[in-house]
Protein backbone atom coordinates (compact mmCIF):
# COMPACT_ATOMS: atom_id res chain seq x y z
CA MET A 1 -50.79 12.17 -27.99
CA SER A 2 -53.20 9.65 -26.57
CA VAL A 3 -56.95 10.00 -26.96
CA GLU A 4 -57.13 10.75 -23.23
CA ASP A 5 -54.58 13.56 -23.57
CA GLN A 6 -56.44 15.00 -26.55
CA GLN A 7 -59.73 14.99 -24.68
CA ARG A 8 -58.13 16.65 -21.64
CA THR A 9 -56.46 19.32 -23.80
CA ALA A 10 -59.58 19.97 -25.88
CA ALA A 11 -61.66 20.29 -22.73
CA ALA A 12 -59.11 22.65 -21.19
CA PHE A 13 -59.50 25.41 -23.79
CA PRO A 14 -62.69 27.18 -24.73
CA ARG A 15 -63.28 27.69 -28.42
CA VAL A 16 -64.32 30.78 -30.29
CA ALA A 17 -67.60 30.76 -32.25
CA SER A 18 -67.50 28.69 -35.43
CA ARG A 19 -67.23 31.81 -37.65
CA GLU A 20 -64.57 33.52 -35.51
CA LEU A 21 -60.83 32.98 -35.69
CA GLY A 22 -58.92 31.32 -32.89
CA TYR A 23 -55.74 29.29 -32.62
CA ASN A 24 -55.51 26.18 -34.79
CA THR A 25 -56.52 23.41 -32.37
CA SER A 26 -54.34 20.65 -33.79
CA GLN A 27 -51.25 22.89 -33.80
CA VAL A 28 -51.85 23.90 -30.19
CA ASP A 29 -52.50 20.31 -29.13
CA GLN A 30 -49.36 19.05 -30.87
CA PHE A 31 -47.18 21.82 -29.48
CA LEU A 32 -48.41 21.36 -25.91
CA SER A 33 -48.09 17.61 -26.17
CA ARG A 34 -44.49 17.97 -27.34
CA ALA A 35 -43.72 20.51 -24.60
CA GLN A 36 -45.25 18.34 -21.91
CA ALA A 37 -43.40 15.25 -23.14
CA TYR A 38 -40.10 17.14 -23.25
CA TYR A 39 -40.63 18.65 -19.82
CA ALA A 40 -41.50 15.27 -18.34
CA ALA A 41 -38.56 13.72 -20.25
CA ARG A 42 -40.76 10.90 -21.48
CA ASP A 43 -39.00 10.73 -24.84
CA ALA A 44 -35.24 11.26 -25.05
CA ASN A 45 -35.49 11.51 -28.85
CA LEU A 46 -37.59 14.68 -28.75
CA LYS A 47 -36.02 17.85 -30.06
CA ALA A 48 -34.90 20.05 -27.16
CA MET A 49 -37.31 22.77 -26.12
CA SER A 50 -36.63 25.92 -24.11
CA SER A 51 -38.62 28.68 -22.46
CA ARG A 52 -37.81 30.82 -25.51
CA ASP A 53 -39.43 28.23 -27.80
CA ILE A 54 -42.59 28.45 -25.74
CA ARG A 55 -42.52 32.26 -25.64
CA THR A 56 -42.16 32.50 -29.42
CA ALA A 57 -44.69 29.79 -30.35
CA VAL A 58 -47.03 30.88 -33.14
CA PHE A 59 -50.21 29.15 -34.27
CA ASP A 60 -52.21 29.62 -37.43
CA ALA A 61 -55.64 31.19 -37.18
CA ALA A 62 -58.54 28.81 -37.70
CA ARG A 63 -62.31 29.24 -37.60
CA GLY A 64 -63.75 27.80 -34.41
CA GLY A 65 -60.28 27.44 -32.90
CA TYR A 66 -59.13 27.80 -29.33
CA GLN A 67 -59.53 31.17 -27.62
CA ALA A 68 -56.14 32.89 -27.82
CA GLN A 69 -56.25 34.29 -24.28
CA ALA A 70 -56.83 30.87 -22.74
CA VAL A 71 -53.99 29.28 -24.69
CA ASP A 72 -51.66 32.22 -24.02
CA ALA A 73 -52.28 31.93 -20.26
CA VAL A 74 -51.26 28.26 -20.32
CA LEU A 75 -48.21 29.07 -22.45
CA ASP A 76 -47.18 31.76 -19.94
CA ARG A 77 -47.30 29.26 -17.07
CA LEU A 78 -45.46 26.68 -19.14
CA GLU A 79 -42.79 29.22 -20.07
CA ASP A 80 -42.33 30.09 -16.39
CA ALA A 81 -41.95 26.40 -15.52
CA PHE A 82 -39.35 25.91 -18.26
CA ALA A 83 -37.46 29.06 -17.18
CA GLN A 84 -37.41 27.83 -13.58
CA ARG A 85 -36.10 24.46 -14.67
CA GLU A 86 -33.45 26.06 -16.89
CA ARG A 87 -32.31 28.11 -13.91
CA ASP A 88 -32.26 25.02 -11.67
CA ILE A 89 -30.20 23.09 -14.25
CA LEU A 90 -27.68 25.94 -14.58
CA VAL A 91 -27.38 26.27 -10.80
CA GLY A 92 -27.04 22.49 -10.46
CA ARG A 93 -24.29 22.28 -13.08
CA LYS A 94 -22.32 25.47 -12.50
CA GLY A 95 -23.53 26.84 -9.17
CA GLU A 96 -25.61 29.80 -8.12
CA GLU A 97 -22.77 32.19 -8.90
CA ALA A 98 -22.93 31.27 -12.60
CA TRP A 99 -26.66 31.94 -12.65
CA LEU A 100 -26.21 35.30 -10.91
CA LEU A 101 -23.40 36.22 -13.32
CA GLN A 102 -25.63 35.40 -16.29
CA LEU A 103 -28.47 37.50 -14.82
CA GLY A 104 -26.07 40.36 -14.16
CA LYS A 105 -24.73 40.41 -17.72
CA THR A 106 -28.19 40.31 -19.25
CA SER A 107 -29.47 42.94 -16.84
CA ALA A 108 -26.55 45.28 -17.58
CA THR A 109 -27.15 45.01 -21.33
CA LEU A 110 -30.86 45.71 -20.99
CA ARG A 111 -30.43 48.53 -18.51
CA ALA A 112 -27.95 50.28 -20.83
CA ARG A 113 -30.69 50.59 -23.45
CA LEU A 114 -33.28 51.59 -20.86
CA HIS A 115 -31.04 54.49 -19.79
CA ARG A 116 -31.11 56.00 -23.26
CA PRO A 117 -33.23 59.16 -23.52
CA ASP A 118 -36.89 58.96 -24.49
CA GLY A 119 -37.18 58.88 -28.27
CA GLU A 120 -33.70 57.38 -28.70
CA ARG A 121 -33.96 53.88 -27.25
CA PHE A 122 -34.46 51.98 -30.51
CA ARG A 123 -33.83 52.33 -34.23
CA ARG A 124 -36.29 54.04 -36.50
CA PRO A 125 -37.41 52.11 -39.62
CA ARG A 126 -35.56 53.01 -42.82
CA ARG A 127 -38.66 52.94 -44.99
CA ASN A 128 -41.10 55.80 -44.63
CA LEU A 129 -44.21 53.63 -44.67
CA ALA A 130 -42.87 50.71 -42.62
CA ARG A 131 -44.98 49.70 -39.65
CA SER A 132 -43.49 50.77 -36.35
CA TYR A 133 -44.38 51.13 -32.67
CA HIS A 134 -45.47 54.44 -31.18
CA VAL A 135 -42.41 55.93 -29.46
CA ASP A 136 -44.31 57.27 -26.43
CA ASP A 137 -45.88 53.88 -25.68
CA VAL A 138 -42.59 52.01 -25.88
CA ASP A 139 -40.77 54.64 -23.81
CA ALA A 140 -43.49 54.49 -21.13
CA LEU A 141 -42.96 50.73 -20.77
CA CYS A 142 -39.18 51.26 -20.71
CA ARG A 143 -39.53 53.71 -17.81
CA LYS A 144 -41.57 51.09 -15.90
CA LEU A 145 -38.89 48.51 -16.63
CA LEU A 146 -36.19 50.83 -15.34
CA GLY A 147 -38.16 51.21 -12.12
CA TYR A 148 -38.45 47.43 -11.87
CA PHE A 149 -34.74 46.78 -12.45
CA GLU A 150 -33.27 49.65 -10.46
CA GLN A 151 -35.83 50.73 -7.86
CA ASP A 152 -37.47 47.39 -7.03
CA LYS A 153 -40.84 48.66 -8.23
CA ALA A 154 -43.37 45.89 -8.68
CA LEU A 155 -43.97 44.84 -12.28
CA SER A 156 -45.36 41.53 -13.47
CA VAL A 157 -43.71 39.78 -16.39
CA ASP A 158 -47.24 39.48 -17.79
CA VAL A 159 -47.36 43.27 -18.23
CA VAL A 160 -44.41 42.96 -20.60
CA ARG A 161 -45.81 39.84 -22.28
CA ARG A 162 -49.12 41.60 -22.99
CA ALA A 163 -47.70 45.00 -23.92
CA VAL A 164 -49.50 46.55 -26.88
CA PHE A 165 -48.24 49.67 -28.61
CA ARG A 166 -50.14 52.01 -30.85
CA PRO A 167 -49.03 51.73 -34.45
CA ALA A 168 -46.89 54.35 -36.12
CA LYS A 169 -45.53 54.73 -39.64
CA GLY A 170 -41.88 54.71 -40.56
CA ARG A 171 -39.56 57.05 -38.72
CA ASP A 172 -42.40 58.29 -36.51
CA GLY A 173 -41.99 55.10 -34.47
CA TYR A 174 -39.50 52.54 -33.27
CA GLU A 175 -38.58 49.56 -35.44
CA GLU A 176 -40.86 46.71 -34.38
CA SER A 177 -38.34 43.89 -34.72
CA GLN A 178 -35.78 45.60 -32.49
CA VAL A 179 -38.34 46.41 -29.79
CA ASP A 180 -39.70 42.84 -29.95
CA ALA A 181 -36.20 41.33 -29.61
CA PHE A 182 -35.46 43.59 -26.64
CA LEU A 183 -38.72 42.70 -24.90
CA ASP A 184 -38.05 39.03 -25.54
CA ARG A 185 -34.80 39.35 -23.55
CA VAL A 186 -36.59 41.31 -20.81
CA ILE A 187 -39.21 38.58 -20.47
CA GLU A 188 -36.50 35.93 -20.37
CA LEU A 189 -34.71 37.80 -17.58
CA MET A 190 -37.86 38.52 -15.58
CA ALA A 191 -39.03 34.90 -15.86
CA GLY A 192 -35.60 33.77 -14.62
CA ILE A 193 -35.72 36.11 -11.65
CA ASP A 194 -39.31 35.58 -10.47
């Protein structure tokens, strides 16, 4: 990353106070530089990057780092741009029918889980004290998603990206990893549609 790029990136994100925790600035700068270079295809030797890579990016906490909300907003826009390009590439290579078929398969899989009854959509943790997500919160989001997929009710992908569930313990909640994986696929689908 050139000095100019670093200055532009550093100026783009506000920082938290020096004693507060934010995102590690060098990790964010390196990740965004790599993403921008890959997207612009400036370096054919770069490791491939997808919208999923952007969605699942994680940065260490650092005192005086970048404000998480500001970085997350940029990552959301970047993810949307990558998803749009992935769709355009698929349509260009295999046609719009292939893209629609892919959307249909993913949608059918997701909707099958959404149609499960409240309280039965996801696994319960095996361990009694394992962290889990509050069932009512997850089910409420699932009902909104069902309205989005089947009744054309408005729902922003950012609502899903920013979903926060109250914590539960063990079998009182849904297994976090399964809910997270499901929501990851929902976000992927919604970003591909919008």
